[in-house]
Amino acid sequence: MISVLLGLASAVGYGAADFLGGIAARRIIAMLVTAVAALAGVAALTLAAPIDGGVWHLETTLVGFATGVTSCLGIWLLYSAYARGPMTTLAPVVAIVSTVVPMSAGLLSGETFSPLGWTALVIGLVAIALVSRPGAGERTRAHRVDVIKAAVAGAFLGVLYIHLDSAPLDAGLTPLTANRISCAVLAFAIAGVLAWRSRGVHPVDVGGGGGAADAVGGVVRDAGGGGVMTVTATRVDTRRSVVIAAAVAIACASGLLDASANTLFLVGLSFGDLSVLSVVSGFYPAVTILLALLFLGERPSRLQTMGIVLALAAMLGMSMA
């Protein structure tokens, strides 16, 4: 029972972290959100280290640093897709692909695949096709490029799951900590380069069909809408500071939730089986979808809703395979 509760808590953490990361990426560039979230995760994992008691292994740490590169790209693509695409239709794509990748790695290493697993895989592919269909309104329309971003993001995140699964049992959270450190360093470096290349960009026209310029000072994605309004440089700087501060706070919350979810998952392993935890925590896309429905007003079409349900069913099947 305790393992189920911990798995459920981790699912809530994962789903909420993805949602908040997407919200932050609608205000500042996705790479900066990735950097801040990763750094917040490092802080949380460092605080949890004495409780975790994980042992640092040289090979595992080096691989953790290497997977930090793929995680950085995966999280960036995820937030970039969420920044303009509907989370209700993109979250299932990320979840299914991130599950299929480690499953495929297991097959290549000689593991067997049950009929349930193959059935779930087919259902998952059908689900992706359904959720990727154009929605009835702008809030449910997933552009092809965003679906591709979500799929590639899932593939990159699946690489991290392979690494965590292969790490020694006594490593604890150390592989994830190394991963987040590498991700934070790379993401901050890239975000810094982007900000430097965009230095001196201070648009004064806000609005025009749903938002301001795509970048203000290299980091702000959207400063609001509602018509064209000429503002002074001081007001632009003030608005920019408020937008950045709010987005950074949201990104920090995303990183803390993600790290907390991973910690809860690890603790859950000491109370129950991995299979049970995988099934329960695997429903994290449902949390992202629910939050998008409640707070963003996204309303998927009937076919998309069917695809979302099939995606959750596929996740359950693949977790039990």
Protein backbone atom coordinates (compact mmCIF):
# COMPACT_ATOMS: atom_id res chain seq x y z
CA MET A 1 0.00 0.00 0.00
CA ILE A 2 2.84 2.40 0.87
CA SER A 3 4.57 1.75 -2.43
CA VAL A 4 1.34 2.50 -4.32
CA LEU A 5 0.90 5.80 -2.46
CA LEU A 6 4.51 6.77 -3.14
CA GLY A 7 4.09 5.84 -6.80
CA LEU A 8 0.95 7.95 -7.01
CA ALA A 9 2.75 10.88 -5.37
CA SER A 10 5.61 10.57 -7.84
CA ALA A 11 3.13 10.55 -10.74
CA VAL A 12 1.60 13.79 -9.46
CA GLY A 13 5.07 15.29 -9.15
CA TYR A 14 6.16 14.27 -12.66
CA GLY A 15 2.94 15.48 -14.26
CA ALA A 16 2.89 18.79 -12.41
CA ALA A 17 6.57 19.38 -13.18
CA ASP A 18 5.98 18.96 -16.91
CA PHE A 19 2.95 21.26 -16.78
CA LEU A 20 4.81 24.03 -14.92
CA GLY A 21 7.80 23.70 -17.22
CA GLY A 22 5.52 24.21 -20.21
CA ILE A 23 3.90 27.24 -18.56
CA ALA A 24 7.30 28.82 -17.88
CA ALA A 25 8.37 28.14 -21.48
CA ARG A 26 5.42 30.24 -22.66
CA ARG A 27 7.02 33.24 -20.94
CA ILE A 28 10.76 32.81 -21.45
CA ILE A 29 12.82 30.72 -23.86
CA ALA A 30 12.62 26.97 -23.28
CA MET A 31 16.38 26.56 -22.88
CA LEU A 32 16.45 28.95 -19.92
CA VAL A 33 13.54 27.06 -18.35
CA THR A 34 15.52 23.84 -18.84
CA ALA A 35 18.57 25.36 -17.15
CA VAL A 36 16.71 26.75 -14.16
CA ALA A 37 14.69 23.57 -13.63
CA ALA A 38 17.84 21.44 -13.81
CA LEU A 39 19.65 23.68 -11.31
CA ALA A 40 16.69 23.54 -8.92
CA GLY A 41 16.75 19.77 -9.29
CA VAL A 42 20.45 19.68 -8.40
CA ALA A 43 19.74 21.68 -5.24
CA ALA A 44 16.89 19.37 -4.22
CA LEU A 45 18.87 16.21 -4.92
CA THR A 46 21.85 17.58 -2.98
CA LEU A 47 19.62 18.16 0.05
CA ALA A 48 18.24 14.62 -0.30
CA ALA A 49 21.71 13.08 -0.60
CA PRO A 50 22.28 12.47 3.15
CA ILE A 51 18.94 10.67 3.38
CA ASP A 52 19.53 8.74 0.16
CA GLY A 53 23.04 7.59 1.05
CA GLY A 54 23.88 6.83 -2.58
CA VAL A 55 27.42 5.78 -3.48
CA TRP A 56 29.23 7.65 -6.26
CA HIS A 57 30.64 5.21 -8.83
CA LEU A 58 33.07 6.64 -11.39
CA GLU A 59 31.60 4.89 -14.44
CA THR A 60 28.01 5.59 -13.42
CA THR A 61 28.83 9.24 -12.76
CA LEU A 62 30.54 9.68 -16.12
CA VAL A 63 27.61 8.09 -17.92
CA GLY A 64 25.31 10.32 -15.87
CA PHE A 65 27.17 13.39 -17.12
CA ALA A 66 26.91 12.09 -20.68
CA THR A 67 23.17 11.42 -20.44
CA GLY A 68 22.81 14.95 -19.09
CA VAL A 69 23.38 16.12 -22.67
CA THR A 70 20.52 14.04 -24.04
CA SER A 71 18.31 14.99 -21.08
CA CYS A 72 19.03 18.65 -21.71
CA LEU A 73 17.95 18.31 -25.33
CA GLY A 74 14.94 16.21 -24.39
CA ILE A 75 13.67 18.60 -21.71
CA TRP A 76 14.28 21.58 -23.99
CA LEU A 77 12.30 19.96 -26.81
CA LEU A 78 9.53 19.02 -24.37
CA TYR A 79 9.19 22.56 -23.03
CA SER A 80 9.54 24.01 -26.51
CA ALA A 81 6.64 21.86 -27.72
CA TYR A 82 4.54 22.71 -24.66
CA ALA A 83 5.29 26.41 -25.14
CA ARG A 84 2.93 26.67 -28.10
CA GLY A 85 1.26 23.29 -28.48
CA PRO A 86 -1.61 21.71 -26.50
CA MET A 87 -0.32 19.70 -23.55
CA THR A 88 -3.38 17.44 -23.60
CA THR A 89 -2.33 15.99 -26.95
CA LEU A 90 1.45 16.23 -26.65
CA ALA A 91 1.89 14.68 -23.18
CA PRO A 92 0.77 11.19 -24.29
CA VAL A 93 3.24 11.28 -27.19
CA VAL A 94 6.15 12.03 -24.85
CA ALA A 95 5.06 9.37 -22.36
CA ILE A 96 4.64 6.58 -24.91
CA VAL A 97 7.92 7.21 -26.75
CA SER A 98 9.88 7.57 -23.50
CA THR A 99 8.55 4.15 -22.50
CA VAL A 100 9.09 2.47 -25.87
CA VAL A 101 12.78 3.47 -26.02
CA PRO A 102 13.91 1.59 -22.87
CA MET A 103 11.63 -1.30 -23.81
CA SER A 104 13.33 -1.50 -27.19
CA ALA A 105 16.73 -1.42 -25.51
CA GLY A 106 15.63 -4.34 -23.36
CA LEU A 107 14.60 -6.32 -26.43
CA LEU A 108 17.96 -5.68 -28.07
CA SER A 109 19.73 -6.89 -24.94
CA GLY A 110 17.87 -10.20 -25.07
CA GLU A 111 14.85 -9.56 -22.86
CA THR A 112 11.56 -11.17 -23.81
CA PHE A 113 8.41 -9.25 -24.70
CA SER A 114 5.01 -10.62 -23.72
CA PRO A 115 1.96 -10.53 -26.04
CA LEU A 116 0.54 -7.85 -23.73
CA GLY A 117 3.56 -5.70 -24.39
CA TRP A 118 3.25 -5.99 -28.16
CA THR A 119 -0.47 -5.25 -27.96
CA ALA A 120 0.19 -2.19 -25.79
CA LEU A 121 2.81 -1.01 -28.25
CA VAL A 122 0.37 -1.15 -31.16
CA ILE A 123 -2.28 0.61 -29.08
CA GLY A 124 0.27 3.29 -28.23
CA LEU A 125 1.06 3.93 -31.89
CA VAL A 126 -2.66 4.23 -32.65
CA ALA A 127 -3.02 6.61 -29.72
CA ILE A 128 -0.23 8.86 -31.05
CA ALA A 129 -1.95 8.97 -34.43
CA LEU A 130 -5.25 9.98 -32.83
CA VAL A 131 -3.93 12.66 -30.47
CA SER A 132 -1.89 14.15 -33.32
CA ARG A 133 -4.99 14.85 -35.41
CA PRO A 134 -5.96 18.52 -35.80
CA GLY A 135 -8.26 19.67 -33.01
CA ALA A 136 -11.49 21.54 -33.28
CA GLY A 137 -10.00 24.81 -32.00
CA GLU A 138 -6.70 26.65 -31.74
CA ARG A 139 -6.15 25.45 -28.18
CA THR A 140 -6.26 21.80 -29.25
CA ARG A 141 -4.38 22.05 -32.53
CA ALA A 142 -1.01 20.31 -32.39
CA HIS A 143 1.30 21.35 -35.20
CA ARG A 144 3.31 18.59 -36.82
CA VAL A 145 6.60 20.13 -35.69
CA ASP A 146 5.43 20.11 -32.05
CA VAL A 147 4.41 16.44 -32.31
CA ILE A 148 7.86 15.66 -33.71
CA LYS A 149 9.49 17.64 -30.89
CA ALA A 150 7.43 15.71 -28.33
CA ALA A 151 8.39 12.37 -29.88
CA VAL A 152 12.10 13.21 -30.01
CA ALA A 153 11.92 14.55 -26.45
CA GLY A 154 10.44 11.23 -25.35
CA ALA A 155 13.26 9.37 -27.09
CA PHE A 156 15.94 11.46 -25.35
CA LEU A 157 14.26 11.09 -21.96
CA GLY A 158 14.04 7.34 -22.54
CA VAL A 159 17.84 7.27 -22.69
CA LEU A 160 17.93 8.54 -19.10
CA TYR A 161 15.59 5.75 -17.99
CA ILE A 162 17.93 3.19 -19.56
CA HIS A 163 20.85 4.67 -17.64
CA LEU A 164 18.99 4.77 -14.31
CA ASP A 165 17.85 1.18 -14.78
CA SER A 166 21.42 -0.01 -15.40
CA ALA A 167 22.96 1.87 -12.46
CA PRO A 168 24.14 -0.11 -9.39
CA LEU A 169 21.55 -0.49 -6.66
CA ASP A 170 23.68 1.35 -4.11
CA ALA A 171 24.09 4.36 -6.43
CA GLY A 172 20.79 5.79 -5.29
CA LEU A 173 20.16 9.28 -6.64
CA THR A 174 23.77 9.89 -7.70
CA PRO A 175 23.21 9.02 -11.40
CA LEU A 176 20.31 11.46 -11.55
CA THR A 177 22.31 14.13 -9.72
CA ALA A 178 25.18 13.83 -12.20
CA ASN A 179 22.66 13.97 -15.03
CA ARG A 180 21.07 17.17 -13.71
CA ILE A 181 24.43 18.85 -13.08
CA SER A 182 25.51 18.22 -16.67
CA CYS A 183 22.12 19.33 -17.99
CA ALA A 184 22.19 22.57 -15.99
CA VAL A 185 25.71 23.48 -17.12
CA LEU A 186 24.95 22.84 -20.79
CA ALA A 187 21.55 24.56 -20.71
CA PHE A 188 22.89 27.68 -18.98
CA ALA A 189 25.76 27.84 -21.48
CA ILE A 190 23.39 27.66 -24.45
CA ALA A 191 20.91 30.11 -22.88
CA GLY A 192 23.80 32.51 -22.22
CA VAL A 193 24.91 32.35 -25.84
CA LEU A 194 21.34 32.96 -27.03
CA ALA A 195 20.98 35.95 -24.71
CA TRP A 196 24.33 37.37 -25.83
CA ARG A 197 23.41 37.03 -29.51
CA SER A 198 20.09 38.77 -28.84
CA ARG A 199 21.56 41.59 -26.74
CA GLY A 200 20.15 45.01 -27.50
CA VAL A 201 16.77 43.64 -28.62
CA HIS A 202 14.20 45.78 -26.77
CA PRO A 203 10.95 45.91 -28.73
CA VAL A 204 8.44 48.58 -27.70
CA ASP A 205 5.36 47.31 -29.55
CA VAL A 206 3.46 44.80 -27.45
CA GLY A 207 0.61 42.78 -28.95
CA GLY A 208 -0.40 42.18 -32.52
CA GLY A 209 -2.22 38.89 -32.65
CA GLY A 210 -1.35 37.28 -29.38
CA GLY A 211 1.92 38.50 -28.02
CA ALA A 212 5.04 40.57 -28.11
CA ALA A 213 8.22 39.86 -29.97
CA ASP A 214 9.58 36.34 -29.67
CA ALA A 215 12.52 37.53 -27.59
CA VAL A 216 13.23 40.47 -25.34
CA GLY A 217 16.80 40.70 -24.25
CA GLY A 218 17.24 37.15 -25.45
CA VAL A 219 15.06 35.46 -22.85
CA VAL A 220 11.45 36.69 -22.87
CA ARG A 221 9.17 34.73 -25.16
CA ASP A 222 5.84 36.50 -24.74
CA ALA A 223 4.98 39.69 -22.91
CA GLY A 224 1.22 39.58 -23.37
CA GLY A 225 -1.27 40.67 -25.97
CA GLY A 226 -4.36 42.72 -26.55
CA GLY A 227 -3.60 45.23 -29.29
CA VAL A 228 -0.60 47.36 -30.17
CA MET A 229 0.60 49.55 -27.34
CA THR A 230 3.60 51.87 -27.46
CA VAL A 231 5.49 51.88 -24.19
CA THR A 232 8.59 53.58 -22.88
CA ALA A 233 11.88 51.77 -22.51
CA THR A 234 11.44 51.88 -18.73
CA ARG A 235 8.06 50.17 -18.89
CA VAL A 236 9.48 47.53 -21.24
CA ASP A 237 12.34 46.86 -18.81
CA THR A 238 9.91 46.63 -15.90
CA ARG A 239 7.60 44.26 -17.72
CA ARG A 240 10.55 42.19 -18.86
CA SER A 241 11.84 41.87 -15.29
CA VAL A 242 8.43 40.81 -13.98
CA VAL A 243 7.96 38.24 -16.76
CA ILE A 244 11.43 36.76 -16.24
CA ALA A 245 11.11 36.63 -12.43
CA ALA A 246 7.73 34.90 -12.58
CA ALA A 247 8.89 32.40 -15.20
CA VAL A 248 12.08 31.60 -13.29
CA ALA A 249 10.05 30.94 -10.14
CA ILE A 250 7.75 28.59 -12.06
CA ALA A 251 10.75 26.82 -13.61
CA CYS A 252 12.28 26.36 -10.15
CA ALA A 253 9.05 24.81 -8.94
CA SER A 254 9.11 22.46 -11.94
CA GLY A 255 12.65 21.34 -11.17
CA LEU A 256 11.90 20.81 -7.48
CA LEU A 257 8.79 18.76 -8.27
CA ASP A 258 10.69 16.59 -10.74
CA ALA A 259 13.50 15.91 -8.26
CA SER A 260 10.97 15.20 -5.50
CA ALA A 261 9.11 12.78 -7.76
CA ASN A 262 12.33 10.89 -8.50
CA THR A 263 13.14 10.74 -4.78
CA LEU A 264 9.67 9.43 -3.94
CA PHE A 265 10.02 6.80 -6.65
CA LEU A 266 13.34 5.66 -5.21
CA VAL A 267 11.93 5.47 -1.68
CA GLY A 268 8.99 3.51 -3.04
CA LEU A 269 11.35 0.84 -4.33
CA SER A 270 12.26 -0.01 -0.73
CA PHE A 271 8.59 -0.74 0.05
CA GLY A 272 7.44 -2.52 -3.11
CA ASP A 273 8.25 -3.94 -6.52
CA LEU A 274 9.43 -1.91 -9.49
CA SER A 275 6.54 -3.28 -11.57
CA VAL A 276 3.96 -1.82 -9.19
CA LEU A 277 5.66 1.56 -9.01
CA SER A 278 6.09 1.70 -12.78
CA VAL A 279 2.38 1.10 -13.34
CA VAL A 280 1.24 3.75 -10.86
CA SER A 281 3.82 6.44 -11.66
CA GLY A 282 3.34 5.78 -15.38
CA PHE A 283 0.07 7.68 -15.24
CA TYR A 284 1.83 11.03 -14.83
CA PRO A 285 0.60 12.24 -18.27
CA ALA A 286 -2.94 12.15 -16.84
CA VAL A 287 -1.87 14.80 -14.32
CA THR A 288 -0.44 17.04 -17.03
CA ILE A 289 -3.60 16.59 -19.10
CA LEU A 290 -5.87 17.34 -16.15
CA LEU A 291 -3.97 20.52 -15.28
CA ALA A 292 -4.11 21.66 -18.91
CA LEU A 293 -7.86 21.06 -18.95
CA LEU A 294 -8.41 22.97 -15.71
CA PHE A 295 -6.05 25.91 -16.10
CA LEU A 296 -5.49 26.33 -19.84
CA GLY A 297 -8.99 25.54 -21.05
CA GLU A 298 -7.76 22.97 -23.56
CA ARG A 299 -10.58 20.88 -24.97
CA PRO A 300 -9.44 17.98 -27.17
CA SER A 301 -11.74 16.62 -29.86
CA ARG A 302 -13.49 13.28 -29.49
CA LEU A 303 -10.82 11.48 -31.50
CA GLN A 304 -8.08 13.13 -29.48
CA THR A 305 -9.86 12.17 -26.25
CA MET A 306 -10.03 8.59 -27.49
CA GLY A 307 -6.31 8.78 -28.27
CA ILE A 308 -5.55 10.06 -24.75
CA VAL A 309 -7.49 7.18 -23.18
CA LEU A 310 -5.74 4.67 -25.44
CA ALA A 311 -2.38 6.22 -24.56
CA LEU A 312 -3.01 5.74 -20.85
CA ALA A 313 -4.13 2.17 -21.52
CA ALA A 314 -0.97 1.56 -23.54
CA MET A 315 1.16 2.95 -20.70
CA LEU A 316 -0.53 0.53 -18.31
CA GLY A 317 0.00 -2.39 -20.66
CA MET A 318 3.67 -1.59 -21.30
CA SER A 319 4.32 -1.17 -17.57
CA MET A 320 2.85 -4.64 -16.91
CA ALA A 321 4.54 -6.34 -19.88
